[in-house]
Amino acid sequence: MSPKKNMNGEIVGSFADKEMRVIGIKSFEKNKEHATNLMIPACRNYLAKRNYMDAKIYLGDCSDHSRIPNNLYTKLGMSYDDATGPEMTGSVQHIAGLPISLSKSLTITRLTYPD
């Protein structure tokens, strides 16, 4: 399915008790902070469905910006699990509480949470 013109990106992930796993994140426009602003409503959506205030978010940072200071995920307060791997952990509640800062309106394609 091709994206509609008003869609800015999508996140694919999974819910489980006290954890949210991000499998993929895609912004259709680069360098506009859409990917950062997609993570925030995804975490808010998780809290609305599960309401676990101590839930963790997990992902593997396999992007070109992995381990670069101030990358997408470190800006959200996530940290690498060890010194060499791409795995990262963060607080769903912390990310959900961050402001969405945009100069224009953001439309999220979809938040997909397969079982």
Protein backbone atom coordinates (compact mmCIF):
# COMPACT_ATOMS: atom_id res chain seq x y z
CA MET A 1 0.00 0.00 0.00
CA SER A 2 1.44 3.37 -0.98
CA PRO A 3 1.28 6.21 1.56
CA LYS A 4 -1.36 8.91 1.25
CA LYS A 5 -0.11 12.44 0.64
CA ASN A 6 -1.02 13.64 4.14
CA MET A 7 0.79 10.79 5.95
CA ASN A 8 4.14 11.51 7.59
CA GLY A 9 5.23 8.10 8.85
CA GLU A 10 4.44 4.87 10.62
CA ILE A 11 5.53 2.72 13.52
CA VAL A 12 5.24 -1.04 13.78
CA GLY A 13 5.56 -2.56 17.22
CA SER A 14 4.13 -4.93 19.76
CA PHE A 15 2.56 -4.61 23.19
CA ALA A 16 3.08 -6.98 26.08
CA ASP A 17 2.67 -6.58 29.82
CA LYS A 18 4.90 -3.72 30.90
CA GLU A 19 6.77 -3.57 27.62
CA MET A 20 6.49 -2.03 24.19
CA ARG A 21 8.75 -3.26 21.40
CA VAL A 22 9.35 -1.09 18.36
CA ILE A 23 10.03 -3.25 15.33
CA GLY A 24 10.23 -0.49 12.75
CA ILE A 25 9.81 3.25 12.42
CA LYS A 26 9.64 5.10 9.13
CA SER A 27 9.32 8.78 8.40
CA PHE A 28 8.29 9.66 4.86
CA GLU A 29 10.09 13.01 5.10
CA LYS A 30 13.70 13.10 6.28
CA ASN A 31 15.17 15.72 8.63
CA LYS A 32 11.79 17.07 9.76
CA GLU A 33 11.73 15.36 13.21
CA HIS A 34 8.67 13.35 12.20
CA ALA A 35 10.21 10.08 13.48
CA THR A 36 10.81 11.66 16.89
CA ASN A 37 7.26 12.95 16.95
CA LEU A 38 5.89 9.53 15.95
CA MET A 39 7.43 7.87 19.01
CA ILE A 40 5.67 10.19 21.45
CA PRO A 41 2.06 9.39 20.42
CA ALA A 42 3.00 5.70 20.12
CA CYS A 43 4.00 5.72 23.79
CA ARG A 44 0.89 7.71 24.74
CA ASN A 45 -1.19 5.13 22.89
CA TYR A 46 0.51 2.32 24.81
CA LEU A 47 -0.21 3.99 28.17
CA ALA A 48 -3.84 4.59 27.18
CA LYS A 49 -4.25 0.88 26.39
CA ARG A 50 -2.12 -0.68 29.15
CA ASN A 51 -1.69 2.01 31.84
CA TYR A 52 1.59 0.55 33.17
CA MET A 53 3.48 3.60 34.40
CA ASP A 54 6.71 1.60 34.81
CA ALA A 55 6.59 0.09 31.29
CA LYS A 56 9.75 -0.04 29.21
CA ILE A 57 10.23 0.48 25.50
CA TYR A 58 12.75 -1.67 23.63
CA LEU A 59 14.20 -1.37 20.15
CA GLY A 60 17.29 -2.12 18.11
CA ASP A 61 18.90 1.00 16.65
CA CYS A 62 20.13 -0.24 13.28
CA SER A 63 19.92 3.19 11.67
CA ASP A 64 22.73 5.12 10.03
CA HIS A 65 22.74 7.35 13.11
CA SER A 66 23.32 4.56 15.62
CA ARG A 67 25.54 5.68 18.50
CA ILE A 68 25.85 9.22 17.13
CA PRO A 69 25.37 11.72 19.98
CA ASN A 70 21.89 13.29 20.05
CA ASN A 71 20.33 10.76 17.69
CA LEU A 72 16.56 10.21 17.53
CA TYR A 73 16.41 7.74 20.41
CA THR A 74 18.84 9.42 22.80
CA LYS A 75 16.88 12.67 22.35
CA LEU A 76 13.89 10.72 23.67
CA GLY A 77 15.84 9.63 26.76
CA MET A 78 16.62 6.09 25.63
CA SER A 79 20.01 4.50 26.30
CA TYR A 80 22.02 1.67 24.77
CA ASP A 81 21.94 -1.56 26.76
CA ASP A 82 25.67 -2.22 26.37
CA ALA A 83 28.81 -0.71 24.85
CA THR A 84 28.59 -2.29 21.40
CA GLY A 85 25.12 -3.58 20.49
CA PRO A 86 22.19 -1.72 18.90
CA GLU A 87 19.65 -2.66 21.61
CA MET A 88 18.16 0.27 23.50
CA THR A 89 15.79 0.69 26.45
CA GLY A 90 13.72 3.64 27.57
CA SER A 91 10.77 4.62 29.73
CA VAL A 92 7.38 4.66 28.00
CA GLN A 93 6.06 7.14 30.56
CA HIS A 94 9.00 9.53 30.01
CA ILE A 95 8.63 9.51 26.22
CA ALA A 96 4.83 9.85 26.46
CA GLY A 97 5.29 12.99 28.57
CA LEU A 98 7.51 14.78 26.07
CA PRO A 99 6.03 17.64 24.04
CA ILE A 100 5.48 17.22 20.33
CA SER A 101 7.28 20.19 18.81
CA LEU A 102 6.35 20.84 15.24
CA SER A 103 6.32 23.85 13.02
CA LYS A 104 3.45 22.32 11.06
CA SER A 105 0.73 19.78 11.66
CA LEU A 106 1.75 16.12 11.83
CA THR A 107 -0.46 13.31 10.62
CA ILE A 108 0.51 9.83 11.73
CA THR A 109 -0.08 7.11 9.17
CA ARG A 110 -0.85 4.41 11.67
CA LEU A 111 0.34 2.80 14.85
CA THR A 112 0.36 -0.92 14.19
CA TYR A 113 0.58 -3.36 17.08
CA PRO A 114 0.39 -6.93 15.83
CA ASP A 115 -0.39 -9.65 18.38
